[in-house]
């Protein structure tokens, strides 16, 4: 016997405890609703129109309030707004937009398409008035509760309960919660994209996306060139929270455009593919949107309202735009900077990666992985991100400015050291040639360098060439890998045509780093400021030696001829030491 034949009432259904447990609470509720709908046939939705003269029924008129009552019992509606009212209806655990269209379709079904638009609008109006709620009801559900595919999850205790229309959610994570499920493919993928130190931070941020409040005030910049995996990483994150829970507004538009700001309302994530100069430059706007403060939004032709933004911000960029020498510590402290430095092309490109890592099994595991990160985030009262506001500032400056990159890679504090502006600019130019970046003019380099590194001071010094030359004080060279590579390329490829002599002088007398001193003395040989390859160095040394011998020889011959004591053959060759002895004897 089938289920529908055996159980004809909700009472009989509930009495069979074994069947009740087997089919679950939701199916029980559906059975009860079926019985209730049968009873509703007794509700009149039509009113007969009677001719007063003849007493005959000439037609029927829809009873709008009765139709509205039936639909309110069948569905769970919430109406919010002021000038423009939006009807949300409950479906699969969450309240979604589109109640007007749902009501219109249901009215047509109930009346077998016998109604006009006027009747539909009247029913919609009845439902709006009966189900109106203040907008604040959308944020009253506890923040530790999150709707997922298979129930309502407490993301702190990890307890799962059935969906319930009394708990109002406007977002749902489109994945099942399955304790113990892992995401091996996703973790392998992330390990190929990011440094190991960044993985904990990404794990914590993944879990943080579920928390409907921006209490830690952090946003993410994904920095990397083409084919470094940024786009696939973004697709993974969007798939995790759900496209319906994601907006795509630039930071500048969020602050400057009230209609764009409204798009963040009730969203979990805002992800934008290009971080522009305007976004970076407006530090105050960024602090507002990430500070859990009030944001003003407005629907077109609708309400203007304020809300606290909890959508987490994530931006992509190939290169970070200039931060224009801002010293706002709060601004720099709110960024999490993720560098995507591994390029995937040719044979190491994996096809259909996103499809492979976003299967239901992997995403259920990714949810568990993120929840572990969320727990660690709250336990530590902050992200595992190891960099300070000052570190972030320097990283952003380095990525946006070739001057900052040069200074951070090569320069250190070296008290009493000095180098001419001309010489240091030459080294900077070769740095840009080798490592990339936009070379600035000598004038801009001179203006901006002291701003990038506060220890650099302008100063003059007397030299053997000129009485006084303008240069830089306190500058030393580092011994990091980039500088050693720089030296090797200079030696092997002879890239630099004019090398500042002062480097040798400076490193010999002032550098505490013997590696640099030895490397420079071993790799570089100067003549008139020009770099001479190793083969030419040997020839030059031989020529210099012969010149010294020739001068001594001429003096010797002159002295001997003057005394007339001996005859010297032209082909005779004396060493410099012998020539000196002969001269002393004479």
Protein backbone atom coordinates (compact mmCIF):
# COMPACT_ATOMS: atom_id res chain seq x y z
CA UNK A 1 0.00 0.00 0.00
CA UNK A 2 1.38 3.44 -0.93
CA UNK A 3 2.01 6.18 1.57
CA UNK A 4 -0.78 8.40 0.25
CA UNK A 5 -3.31 5.53 0.47
CA UNK A 6 -2.32 4.47 3.97
CA UNK A 7 -2.22 7.89 5.55
CA UNK A 8 -5.24 10.08 4.88
CA UNK A 9 -4.89 12.57 7.73
CA UNK A 10 -2.08 14.28 9.53
CA UNK A 11 -3.13 12.54 12.76
CA UNK A 12 -2.68 9.06 11.31
CA UNK A 13 0.64 10.11 9.81
CA UNK A 14 2.09 11.31 13.09
CA UNK A 15 0.88 8.20 14.94
CA UNK A 16 3.12 5.98 12.87
CA UNK A 17 6.38 6.85 14.64
CA UNK A 18 8.54 4.57 12.52
CA UNK A 19 7.36 6.17 9.30
CA UNK A 20 7.65 9.63 10.83
CA UNK A 21 11.33 9.15 11.61
CA UNK A 22 12.00 7.66 8.21
CA UNK A 23 10.58 10.38 6.02
CA UNK A 24 11.66 13.27 8.23
CA UNK A 25 10.11 16.43 9.55
CA UNK A 26 9.84 18.20 6.21
CA UNK A 27 7.74 15.49 4.58
CA UNK A 28 5.48 15.41 7.62
CA UNK A 29 4.94 19.14 7.25
CA UNK A 30 4.13 18.66 3.56
CA UNK A 31 1.51 16.03 4.41
CA UNK A 32 -0.12 18.35 6.92
CA UNK A 33 -0.22 21.12 4.32
CA UNK A 34 -1.98 18.77 1.86
CA UNK A 35 -4.74 18.15 4.42
CA UNK A 36 -5.00 21.86 5.16
CA UNK A 37 -5.41 22.63 1.46
CA UNK A 38 -8.35 20.21 1.30
CA UNK A 39 -10.02 22.15 4.08
CA UNK A 40 -9.48 25.40 2.21
CA UNK A 41 -11.91 24.34 -0.46
CA UNK A 42 -14.53 25.54 1.98
CA UNK A 43 -13.13 29.08 1.75
CA UNK A 44 -15.09 31.04 -0.81
CA UNK A 45 -12.89 33.02 -3.15
CA UNK A 46 -15.72 33.99 -5.50
CA UNK A 47 -18.71 36.19 -4.83
CA UNK A 48 -21.78 35.69 -7.02
CA UNK A 49 -23.02 38.77 -8.83
CA UNK A 50 -26.85 38.73 -8.72
CA UNK A 51 -29.19 40.75 -10.85
CA UNK A 52 -31.37 42.70 -8.42
CA UNK A 53 -34.33 42.67 -10.79
CA UNK A 54 -34.38 39.06 -11.86
CA UNK A 55 -32.42 37.52 -8.99
CA UNK A 56 -30.30 35.59 -11.43
CA UNK A 57 -26.53 35.05 -11.02
CA UNK A 58 -24.94 37.03 -13.81
CA UNK A 59 -21.28 36.55 -12.89
CA UNK A 60 -18.69 36.17 -10.16
CA UNK A 61 -16.37 38.57 -8.43
CA UNK A 62 -13.06 37.54 -6.86
CA UNK A 63 -12.88 37.99 -3.10
CA UNK A 64 -9.37 39.42 -2.84
CA UNK A 65 -8.98 39.16 0.91
CA UNK A 66 -9.93 35.48 0.88
CA UNK A 67 -7.43 34.69 -1.88
CA UNK A 68 -4.75 36.55 0.07
CA UNK A 69 -5.61 34.57 3.21
CA UNK A 70 -5.25 31.26 1.35
CA UNK A 71 -1.84 32.23 -0.10
CA UNK A 72 -0.54 33.50 3.24
CA UNK A 73 -1.39 30.11 4.73
CA UNK A 74 0.25 28.25 1.84
CA UNK A 75 3.42 30.34 1.76
CA UNK A 76 5.52 32.33 4.22
CA UNK A 77 5.79 35.94 3.09
CA UNK A 78 7.71 38.92 4.47
CA UNK A 79 7.21 42.40 3.07
CA UNK A 80 9.84 45.06 3.70
CA UNK A 81 10.45 48.59 2.51
CA UNK A 82 8.79 51.97 2.66
CA UNK A 83 8.29 53.73 -0.66
CA UNK A 84 8.82 50.54 -2.63
CA UNK A 85 7.68 47.33 -0.95
CA UNK A 86 9.43 44.04 -1.68
CA UNK A 87 7.72 40.73 -0.97
CA UNK A 88 10.09 37.93 0.03
CA UNK A 89 8.88 34.35 0.18
CA UNK A 90 10.27 31.32 1.96
CA UNK A 91 11.85 28.55 -0.10
CA UNK A 92 14.26 25.79 0.92
CA UNK A 93 15.38 27.48 4.11
CA UNK A 94 15.70 31.10 2.98
CA UNK A 95 13.58 34.11 2.05
CA UNK A 96 14.08 35.19 -1.54
CA UNK A 97 12.84 38.01 -3.72
CA UNK A 98 10.11 37.54 -6.31
CA UNK A 99 7.02 37.26 -4.14
CA UNK A 100 4.96 39.42 -6.52
CA UNK A 101 5.50 37.02 -9.43
CA UNK A 102 4.80 33.99 -7.25
CA UNK A 103 1.51 35.48 -6.06
CA UNK A 104 0.46 36.35 -9.62
CA UNK A 105 1.08 32.78 -10.79
CA UNK A 106 -0.77 31.27 -7.83
CA UNK A 107 -3.80 33.53 -8.31
CA UNK A 108 -4.03 32.50 -11.94
CA UNK A 109 -3.85 28.82 -10.96
CA UNK A 110 -6.55 29.20 -8.30
CA UNK A 111 -8.92 31.04 -10.61
CA UNK A 112 -8.04 29.09 -13.77
CA UNK A 113 -6.94 32.32 -15.48
CA UNK A 114 -10.34 33.96 -14.98
CA UNK A 115 -8.95 37.15 -13.43
CA UNK A 116 -7.67 40.46 -14.67
CA UNK A 117 -4.49 42.31 -13.73
CA UNK A 118 -6.55 44.45 -11.39
CA UNK A 119 -7.49 41.39 -9.31
CA UNK A 120 -3.87 40.22 -9.10
CA UNK A 121 -2.69 43.66 -7.95
CA UNK A 122 -5.42 43.75 -5.33
CA UNK A 123 -4.34 40.37 -3.92
CA UNK A 124 -0.69 41.49 -3.88
CA UNK A 125 -1.71 44.65 -2.04
CA UNK A 126 -3.63 42.62 0.54
CA UNK A 127 -0.62 40.37 1.18
CA UNK A 128 1.80 43.31 1.44
CA UNK A 129 -0.31 44.97 4.09
CA UNK A 130 -0.76 41.77 6.11
CA UNK A 131 2.89 40.61 6.02
CA UNK A 132 4.74 43.92 6.38
CA UNK A 133 7.81 43.85 8.65
CA UNK A 134 10.46 46.38 9.54
CA UNK A 135 13.70 45.90 7.60
CA UNK A 136 15.51 45.11 10.84
CA UNK A 137 13.95 41.60 10.96
CA UNK A 138 16.42 40.56 8.27
CA UNK A 139 19.33 40.99 10.69
CA UNK A 140 17.77 39.58 13.85
CA UNK A 141 18.74 35.95 13.29
CA UNK A 142 21.79 35.09 15.45
CA UNK A 143 25.05 35.60 13.56
CA UNK A 144 26.31 32.16 14.51
CA UNK A 145 23.46 30.59 12.54
CA UNK A 146 23.86 30.07 8.79
CA UNK A 147 21.53 28.40 6.32
CA UNK A 148 23.11 25.61 4.27
CA UNK A 149 21.60 23.15 1.80
CA UNK A 150 20.70 20.50 4.33
CA UNK A 151 19.63 22.61 7.30
CA UNK A 152 20.58 25.47 9.59
CA UNK A 153 24.14 25.25 10.87
CA UNK A 154 25.54 26.79 14.02
CA UNK A 155 28.97 27.72 12.67
CA UNK A 156 30.42 27.88 16.20
CA UNK A 157 29.08 24.66 17.76
CA UNK A 158 28.73 22.88 14.36
CA UNK A 159 25.23 21.65 15.26
CA UNK A 160 22.75 21.22 12.39
CA UNK A 161 18.98 21.67 12.75
CA UNK A 162 16.18 21.47 10.14
CA UNK A 163 15.20 24.50 8.08
CA UNK A 164 12.67 26.69 9.86
CA UNK A 165 10.75 29.67 8.40
CA UNK A 166 10.79 31.30 11.83
CA UNK A 167 14.56 31.83 11.44
CA UNK A 168 14.87 34.44 8.73
CA UNK A 169 17.76 34.03 6.31
CA UNK A 170 18.22 35.92 3.06
CA UNK A 171 21.42 33.99 2.24
CA UNK A 172 22.10 30.29 1.95
CA UNK A 173 25.45 28.61 1.44
CA UNK A 174 24.70 26.31 -1.53
CA UNK A 175 26.48 23.27 -0.09
CA UNK A 176 25.77 20.49 2.39
CA UNK A 177 27.32 20.34 5.82
CA UNK A 178 28.95 16.92 6.12
CA UNK A 179 31.18 16.51 9.18
CA UNK A 180 34.45 14.78 8.35
CA UNK A 181 34.40 15.56 4.63
CA UNK A 182 37.76 16.76 3.25
CA UNK A 183 38.79 18.91 0.26
CA UNK A 184 42.12 17.41 -0.85
CA UNK A 185 41.93 18.77 -4.39
CA UNK A 186 41.19 22.31 -3.22
CA UNK A 187 44.04 22.26 -0.70
CA UNK A 188 46.44 21.01 -3.39
CA UNK A 189 45.23 23.76 -5.72
CA UNK A 190 45.71 26.49 -3.10
CA UNK A 191 49.16 25.13 -2.24
CA UNK A 192 50.21 25.61 -5.86
CA UNK A 193 49.00 29.22 -5.93
CA UNK A 194 50.08 30.66 -2.61
CA UNK A 195 52.90 30.65 -0.11
CA UNK A 196 52.50 28.23 2.77
CA UNK A 197 52.31 31.15 5.22
CA UNK A 198 49.25 32.49 3.37
CA UNK A 199 47.20 29.29 3.54
CA UNK A 200 46.19 29.76 7.19
CA UNK A 201 45.02 33.28 6.44
CA UNK A 202 42.98 32.09 3.43
CA UNK A 203 41.45 29.34 5.56
CA UNK A 204 40.42 31.87 8.21
CA UNK A 205 39.04 34.27 5.62
CA UNK A 206 37.00 31.48 4.03
CA UNK A 207 35.28 30.84 7.35
CA UNK A 208 34.99 34.57 8.04
CA UNK A 209 32.83 34.95 4.92
CA UNK A 210 30.07 33.13 6.82
CA UNK A 211 30.03 35.61 9.71
CA UNK A 212 27.47 38.35 9.10
CA UNK A 213 29.49 41.13 10.67
CA UNK A 214 32.86 42.65 9.76
CA UNK A 215 34.27 42.69 13.28
CA UNK A 216 37.90 42.13 12.24
CA UNK A 217 37.80 44.87 9.59
CA UNK A 218 39.81 43.17 6.87
CA UNK A 219 39.73 43.14 3.07
CA UNK A 220 41.79 41.13 0.60
CA UNK A 221 43.92 42.18 -2.38
CA UNK A 222 44.94 39.42 -4.77
CA UNK A 223 48.08 40.61 -6.59
CA UNK A 224 49.48 38.77 -9.58
CA UNK A 225 50.09 38.86 -13.30
CA UNK A 226 48.11 36.96 -15.91
CA UNK A 227 48.00 33.15 -15.61
CA UNK A 228 48.82 33.09 -11.90
CA UNK A 229 45.52 31.52 -10.81
CA UNK A 230 43.79 34.62 -9.41
CA UNK A 231 40.69 34.16 -11.55
CA UNK A 232 40.27 30.50 -10.65
CA UNK A 233 40.76 31.34 -6.98
CA UNK A 234 38.02 33.97 -7.24
CA UNK A 235 35.67 31.48 -8.91
CA UNK A 236 36.27 29.05 -6.07
CA UNK A 237 35.38 31.66 -3.44
CA UNK A 238 32.25 32.78 -5.34
CA UNK A 239 31.16 29.17 -5.73
CA UNK A 240 31.60 28.70 -1.99
CA UNK A 241 29.38 31.59 -0.87
CA UNK A 242 27.05 31.41 -3.88
CA UNK A 243 26.62 33.84 -6.77
CA UNK A 244 23.33 35.07 -5.30
CA UNK A 245 25.24 36.14 -2.17
CA UNK A 246 27.92 38.03 -4.12
CA UNK A 247 28.07 41.56 -5.52
CA UNK A 248 30.65 43.08 -7.86
CA UNK A 249 31.13 46.77 -7.12
CA UNK A 250 34.31 48.84 -7.14
CA UNK A 251 35.24 50.45 -3.86
CA UNK A 252 34.98 53.90 -5.42
CA UNK A 253 31.42 53.27 -6.69
CA UNK A 254 30.29 51.84 -3.36
CA UNK A 255 31.10 55.13 -1.67
CA UNK A 256 30.25 57.57 -4.44
CA UNK A 257 27.13 55.88 -5.87
CA UNK A 258 24.22 55.22 -3.51
CA UNK A 259 22.70 52.73 -5.96
CA UNK A 260 25.92 50.70 -6.07
CA UNK A 261 26.13 50.69 -2.28
CA UNK A 262 22.67 49.13 -2.08
CA UNK A 263 23.98 46.11 -3.99
CA UNK A 264 26.05 45.12 -0.94
CA UNK A 265 22.97 44.92 1.25
CA UNK A 266 22.51 41.37 2.62
CA UNK A 267 25.49 40.07 0.62
CA UNK A 268 28.33 37.96 2.04
CA UNK A 269 31.00 38.93 -0.49
CA UNK A 270 31.84 41.81 -2.80
CA UNK A 271 34.48 40.87 -5.35
CA UNK A 272 35.82 43.23 -7.99
CA UNK A 273 38.33 42.45 -10.70
CA UNK A 274 40.34 45.66 -10.79
CA UNK A 275 41.61 47.79 -7.92
CA UNK A 276 41.96 51.25 -9.43
CA UNK A 277 43.84 54.35 -8.35
CA UNK A 278 40.54 55.89 -7.19
CA UNK A 279 39.94 52.92 -4.89
CA UNK A 280 43.40 53.11 -3.35
CA UNK A 281 43.43 56.89 -3.13
CA UNK A 282 40.19 57.20 -1.15
CA UNK A 283 41.45 55.78 2.13
CA UNK A 284 38.58 57.27 4.14
CA UNK A 285 35.99 55.53 1.98
CA UNK A 286 37.74 52.22 2.40
CA UNK A 287 37.73 52.54 6.20
CA UNK A 288 34.01 53.29 6.20
CA UNK A 289 33.05 50.27 4.13
CA UNK A 290 35.29 47.89 6.11
CA UNK A 291 34.69 49.39 9.54
CA UNK A 292 31.28 47.85 10.28
CA UNK A 293 29.84 51.35 10.13
CA UNK A 294 26.69 52.66 8.54
CA UNK A 295 26.46 52.72 4.76
CA UNK A 296 23.75 54.58 2.85
CA UNK A 297 22.00 52.73 0.04
CA UNK A 298 19.08 53.49 -2.20
CA UNK A 299 17.01 51.51 -4.68
CA UNK A 300 16.24 53.22 -7.95
CA UNK A 301 12.76 54.71 -7.68
CA UNK A 302 12.63 53.27 -4.17
CA UNK A 303 13.73 53.60 -0.58
CA UNK A 304 16.84 55.23 0.77
CA UNK A 305 18.08 53.40 3.85
CA UNK A 306 21.13 52.78 6.02
CA UNK A 307 22.69 49.44 6.78
CA UNK A 308 25.79 47.98 8.37
CA UNK A 309 27.83 46.32 5.67
CA UNK A 310 29.07 42.81 6.39
CA UNK A 311 29.95 41.82 2.81
CA UNK A 312 33.66 41.01 2.85
CA UNK A 313 35.67 42.86 0.21
CA UNK A 314 38.04 41.15 -2.21
CA UNK A 315 39.87 42.85 -5.09
CA UNK A 316 42.20 41.74 -7.88
CA UNK A 317 45.04 43.65 -9.48
CA UNK A 318 48.12 43.00 -11.58
CA UNK A 319 49.94 45.87 -9.90
CA UNK A 320 48.84 47.89 -6.90
CA UNK A 321 48.20 51.51 -7.80
CA UNK A 322 50.18 54.24 -6.08
CA UNK A 323 49.15 55.01 -2.51
CA UNK A 324 50.42 58.58 -2.83
CA UNK A 325 52.52 58.63 0.32
CA UNK A 326 49.63 58.07 2.72
CA UNK A 327 50.64 57.50 6.35
CA UNK A 328 47.21 56.30 7.49
CA UNK A 329 48.06 53.28 9.63
CA UNK A 330 44.41 52.21 9.99
CA UNK A 331 44.05 52.10 6.21
CA UNK A 332 47.10 49.91 5.61
CA UNK A 333 46.28 47.72 8.60
CA UNK A 334 42.97 46.63 7.09
CA UNK A 335 44.45 44.93 4.06
CA UNK A 336 45.37 41.29 3.64
CA UNK A 337 47.71 41.13 0.64
CA UNK A 338 47.98 37.81 -1.20
CA UNK A 339 50.67 37.55 -3.88
CA UNK A 340 50.09 35.09 -6.71
CA UNK A 341 53.60 34.67 -8.11
CA UNK A 342 53.47 31.25 -9.77
CA UNK A 343 52.76 31.49 -13.50
CA UNK A 344 50.90 28.59 -15.10
CA UNK A 345 51.36 28.24 -18.85
CA UNK A 346 52.32 25.66 -21.42
CA UNK A 347 52.57 22.14 -20.07
CA UNK A 348 51.85 23.05 -16.45
CA UNK A 349 48.38 24.45 -17.24
CA UNK A 350 45.57 22.25 -15.92
CA UNK A 351 42.32 22.34 -17.86
CA UNK A 352 38.88 22.47 -16.23
CA UNK A 353 40.39 23.09 -12.81
CA UNK A 354 37.34 24.87 -11.43
CA UNK A 355 35.03 22.01 -12.38
CA UNK A 356 37.39 19.54 -10.76
CA UNK A 357 37.62 21.36 -7.42
CA UNK A 358 33.98 22.46 -7.02
CA UNK A 359 32.25 19.10 -6.88
CA UNK A 360 29.67 18.68 -4.07
CA UNK A 361 32.14 16.48 -2.16
CA UNK A 362 35.01 19.00 -2.43
CA UNK A 363 32.81 21.96 -1.50
CA UNK A 364 31.40 20.16 1.54
CA UNK A 365 35.01 19.59 2.60
CA UNK A 366 35.87 23.22 1.84
CA UNK A 367 33.07 24.30 4.18
CA UNK A 368 34.60 22.17 6.96
CA UNK A 369 38.06 23.57 6.17
CA UNK A 370 36.74 27.14 6.42
CA UNK A 371 34.96 26.41 9.70
CA UNK A 372 38.27 25.25 11.20
CA UNK A 373 39.77 28.55 10.09
CA UNK A 374 36.87 30.50 11.61
CA UNK A 375 37.39 28.80 14.96
CA UNK A 376 41.09 29.66 14.90
CA UNK A 377 40.24 33.24 13.95
CA UNK A 378 38.02 33.66 17.01
CA UNK A 379 40.36 31.73 19.32
CA UNK A 380 43.26 34.02 18.36
CA UNK A 381 41.07 37.13 18.13
CA UNK A 382 42.60 37.92 14.78
CA UNK A 383 44.00 36.58 11.53
CA UNK A 384 47.23 34.62 11.23
CA UNK A 385 48.32 37.20 8.66
CA UNK A 386 51.87 38.00 9.83
CA UNK A 387 52.31 41.51 8.46
CA UNK A 388 51.77 44.83 10.23
CA UNK A 389 50.27 48.01 8.81
CA UNK A 390 53.80 49.28 8.12
CA UNK A 391 54.67 46.02 6.34
CA UNK A 392 51.55 46.36 4.19
CA UNK A 393 52.44 49.92 3.33
CA UNK A 394 55.93 48.94 2.22
CA UNK A 395 54.63 46.00 0.17
CA UNK A 396 52.04 48.19 -1.54
CA UNK A 397 54.60 50.91 -2.22
CA UNK A 398 57.07 48.37 -3.59
CA UNK A 399 54.48 46.91 -5.94
CA UNK A 400 53.37 50.33 -7.16
CA UNK A 401 56.70 52.19 -7.38
CA UNK A 402 60.02 51.22 -8.98
CA UNK A 403 61.76 53.66 -6.61
CA UNK A 404 60.34 51.86 -3.56
CA UNK A 405 61.17 48.48 -5.06
CA UNK A 406 64.78 49.56 -5.69
CA UNK A 407 65.17 51.06 -2.22
CA UNK A 408 63.67 48.06 -0.44
CA UNK A 409 65.66 45.53 -2.48
CA UNK A 410 69.06 47.19 -2.41
CA UNK A 411 69.38 49.98 0.16
CA UNK A 412 70.00 49.83 3.90
CA UNK A 413 70.97 52.34 6.58
CA UNK A 414 74.74 52.95 6.55
CA UNK A 415 75.80 55.84 8.82
CA UNK A 416 78.40 58.27 7.36
CA UNK A 417 78.26 56.66 3.90
CA UNK A 418 77.77 58.90 0.86
CA UNK A 419 77.08 58.38 -2.84
CA UNK A 420 76.49 60.93 -5.58
CA UNK A 421 73.00 61.38 -6.99
CA UNK A 422 74.29 60.67 -10.47
CA UNK A 423 75.85 57.38 -9.42
CA UNK A 424 72.84 56.13 -7.49
CA UNK A 425 70.47 57.01 -10.32
CA UNK A 426 72.65 54.98 -12.70
CA UNK A 427 72.36 51.96 -10.43
CA UNK A 428 68.58 52.50 -10.17
CA UNK A 429 68.27 52.64 -13.97
CA UNK A 430 70.05 49.32 -14.34
CA UNK A 431 67.84 47.86 -11.62
CA UNK A 432 64.75 48.78 -13.65
CA UNK A 433 66.33 47.30 -16.79
CA UNK A 434 66.92 44.02 -15.02
CA UNK A 435 63.89 43.61 -12.76
CA UNK A 436 61.24 45.61 -14.60
CA UNK A 437 59.08 48.56 -13.62
CA UNK A 438 58.56 52.06 -14.92
CA UNK A 439 61.73 54.13 -14.82
CA UNK A 440 61.19 57.66 -13.54
CA UNK A 441 63.21 60.72 -14.47
CA UNK A 442 66.31 61.71 -12.55
CA UNK A 443 64.42 64.68 -11.10
CA UNK A 444 61.50 62.57 -9.84
CA UNK A 445 63.91 59.99 -8.45
CA UNK A 446 65.63 62.73 -6.49
CA UNK A 447 62.33 64.12 -5.17
CA UNK A 448 60.72 60.81 -4.21
CA UNK A 449 63.61 58.72 -2.87
CA UNK A 450 63.78 60.46 0.56
CA UNK A 451 60.00 60.04 0.88
CA UNK A 452 60.23 56.28 0.36
CA UNK A 453 63.04 55.72 2.86
CA UNK A 454 63.22 58.22 5.71
CA UNK A 455 66.86 57.43 6.56
CA UNK A 456 68.10 58.85 3.25
CA UNK A 457 69.40 62.42 3.60
CA UNK A 458 70.63 64.78 0.92
CA UNK A 459 74.23 65.94 1.39
CA UNK A 460 77.25 67.34 -0.43
CA UNK A 461 80.83 66.07 -0.50
CA UNK A 462 84.13 67.20 -2.00
CA UNK A 463 85.61 64.82 -4.59
CA UNK A 464 88.76 64.63 -6.70
CA UNK A 465 86.71 65.57 -9.77
CA UNK A 466 84.81 68.54 -8.41
CA UNK A 467 85.06 70.58 -5.29
CA UNK A 468 81.51 69.69 -4.22
CA UNK A 469 78.94 67.19 -5.54
CA UNK A 470 75.36 66.68 -4.31
CA UNK A 471 74.60 63.16 -3.18
CA UNK A 472 72.90 60.96 -0.60
CA UNK A 473 73.99 60.23 2.96
CA UNK A 474 73.36 57.13 5.10
CA UNK A 475 72.86 54.78 2.13
CA UNK A 476 74.27 51.24 2.19
CA UNK A 477 73.68 48.23 -0.05
CA UNK A 478 72.05 45.07 1.18
CA UNK A 479 73.30 41.52 0.69
CA UNK A 480 70.01 39.95 -0.32
CA UNK A 481 69.52 37.53 -3.18
CA UNK A 482 68.28 40.16 -5.60
CA UNK A 483 71.44 42.24 -5.20
CA UNK A 484 73.73 39.25 -5.60
CA UNK A 485 71.86 38.35 -8.80
CA UNK A 486 72.28 41.94 -9.90
CA UNK A 487 76.05 41.73 -9.43
CA UNK A 488 76.32 38.44 -11.27
CA UNK A 489 74.44 39.75 -14.28
CA UNK A 490 76.67 42.84 -14.33
CA UNK A 491 79.75 40.62 -14.42
CA UNK A 492 78.54 37.97 -16.86
CA UNK A 493 76.45 39.94 -19.33
CA UNK A 494 78.20 43.29 -19.03
CA UNK A 495 74.85 45.06 -18.98
CA UNK A 496 75.99 48.25 -17.28
CA UNK A 497 78.02 50.61 -19.42
CA UNK A 498 78.79 53.14 -16.71
CA UNK A 499 79.32 51.95 -13.15
CA UNK A 500 79.70 54.45 -10.32
CA UNK A 501 83.25 54.29 -8.97
CA UNK A 502 81.99 55.43 -5.62
CA UNK A 503 80.46 51.98 -4.99
CA UNK A 504 83.90 50.43 -4.57
CA UNK A 505 85.05 53.29 -2.38
CA UNK A 506 81.91 53.20 -0.32
CA UNK A 507 81.80 49.42 0.21
CA UNK A 508 85.51 49.20 0.95
CA UNK A 509 85.44 51.76 3.73
CA UNK A 510 81.96 51.58 5.13
CA UNK A 511 80.23 48.29 4.37
CA UNK A 512 79.86 45.84 7.22
CA UNK A 513 78.86 43.21 4.66
CA UNK A 514 82.06 41.55 3.48
CA UNK A 515 80.12 39.54 0.89
CA UNK A 516 79.41 42.71 -1.05
CA UNK A 517 82.95 44.00 -0.71
CA UNK A 518 84.45 40.77 -2.02
CA UNK A 519 81.85 40.41 -4.77
CA UNK A 520 82.41 43.93 -6.03
CA UNK A 521 86.19 43.66 -5.91
CA UNK A 522 86.07 40.29 -7.67
CA UNK A 523 83.49 41.16 -10.32
CA UNK A 524 84.07 44.78 -11.17
CA UNK A 525 87.12 46.46 -12.65
CA UNK A 526 87.00 50.13 -13.49
CA UNK A 527 88.68 52.38 -15.98
CA UNK A 528 87.19 55.80 -16.51
CA UNK A 529 83.90 54.61 -15.09
CA UNK A 530 83.55 51.84 -17.70
CA UNK A 531 83.17 48.17 -16.95
CA UNK A 532 85.94 46.06 -18.57
CA UNK A 533 85.45 42.30 -19.15
CA UNK A 534 87.86 39.86 -17.52
CA UNK A 535 89.97 39.29 -20.69
CA UNK A 536 90.51 43.00 -21.19
CA UNK A 537 91.37 43.41 -17.51
CA UNK A 538 94.41 41.14 -17.97
CA UNK A 539 95.55 43.00 -21.09
CA UNK A 540 95.15 46.34 -19.34
CA UNK A 541 97.20 45.20 -16.37
CA UNK A 542 100.01 44.00 -18.69
CA UNK A 543 100.01 47.31 -20.57
CA UNK A 544 100.18 49.26 -17.33
CA UNK A 545 103.06 47.10 -16.15
CA UNK A 546 104.99 47.64 -19.41
CA UNK A 547 104.46 51.39 -19.16
CA UNK A 548 105.95 51.43 -15.68
CA UNK A 549 108.94 49.35 -16.86
CA UNK A 550 109.40 51.56 -19.92
CA UNK A 551 109.63 54.71 -17.82
CA UNK A 552 112.17 53.14 -15.47
CA UNK A 553 114.14 51.85 -18.46
CA UNK A 554 114.38 55.28 -20.07
CA UNK A 555 115.65 56.83 -16.87
CA UNK A 556 118.21 54.10 -16.52
CA UNK A 557 119.53 54.54 -20.08
CA UNK A 558 119.72 58.29 -19.67
CA UNK A 559 121.76 58.02 -16.51
CA UNK A 560 124.11 55.39 -17.96
CA UNK A 561 124.66 57.32 -21.18
CA UNK A 562 125.42 60.42 -19.14
CA UNK A 563 128.12 58.66 -17.15
CA UNK A 564 129.40 56.79 -20.24
CA UNK A 565 130.15 53.70 -18.18
CA UNK A 566 128.27 51.12 -20.24
CA UNK A 567 126.45 50.43 -23.47
CA UNK A 568 122.99 49.12 -23.31
CA UNK A 569 121.41 47.15 -26.10
CA UNK A 570 117.91 48.17 -27.06
CA UNK A 571 116.64 44.62 -26.84
CA UNK A 572 117.87 44.20 -23.25
CA UNK A 573 114.99 43.91 -20.82
CA UNK A 574 115.32 44.66 -17.15
CA UNK A 575 112.78 44.10 -14.49
CA UNK A 576 111.43 47.08 -12.61
CA UNK A 577 113.43 46.03 -9.56
CA UNK A 578 116.67 45.67 -11.56
CA UNK A 579 116.13 49.03 -13.19
CA UNK A 580 115.69 50.65 -9.83
CA UNK A 581 118.92 49.06 -8.53
CA UNK A 582 120.80 50.23 -11.59
CA UNK A 583 119.48 53.74 -11.14
CA UNK A 584 120.52 53.75 -7.48
CA UNK A 585 124.00 52.54 -8.41
CA UNK A 586 124.41 55.26 -11.01
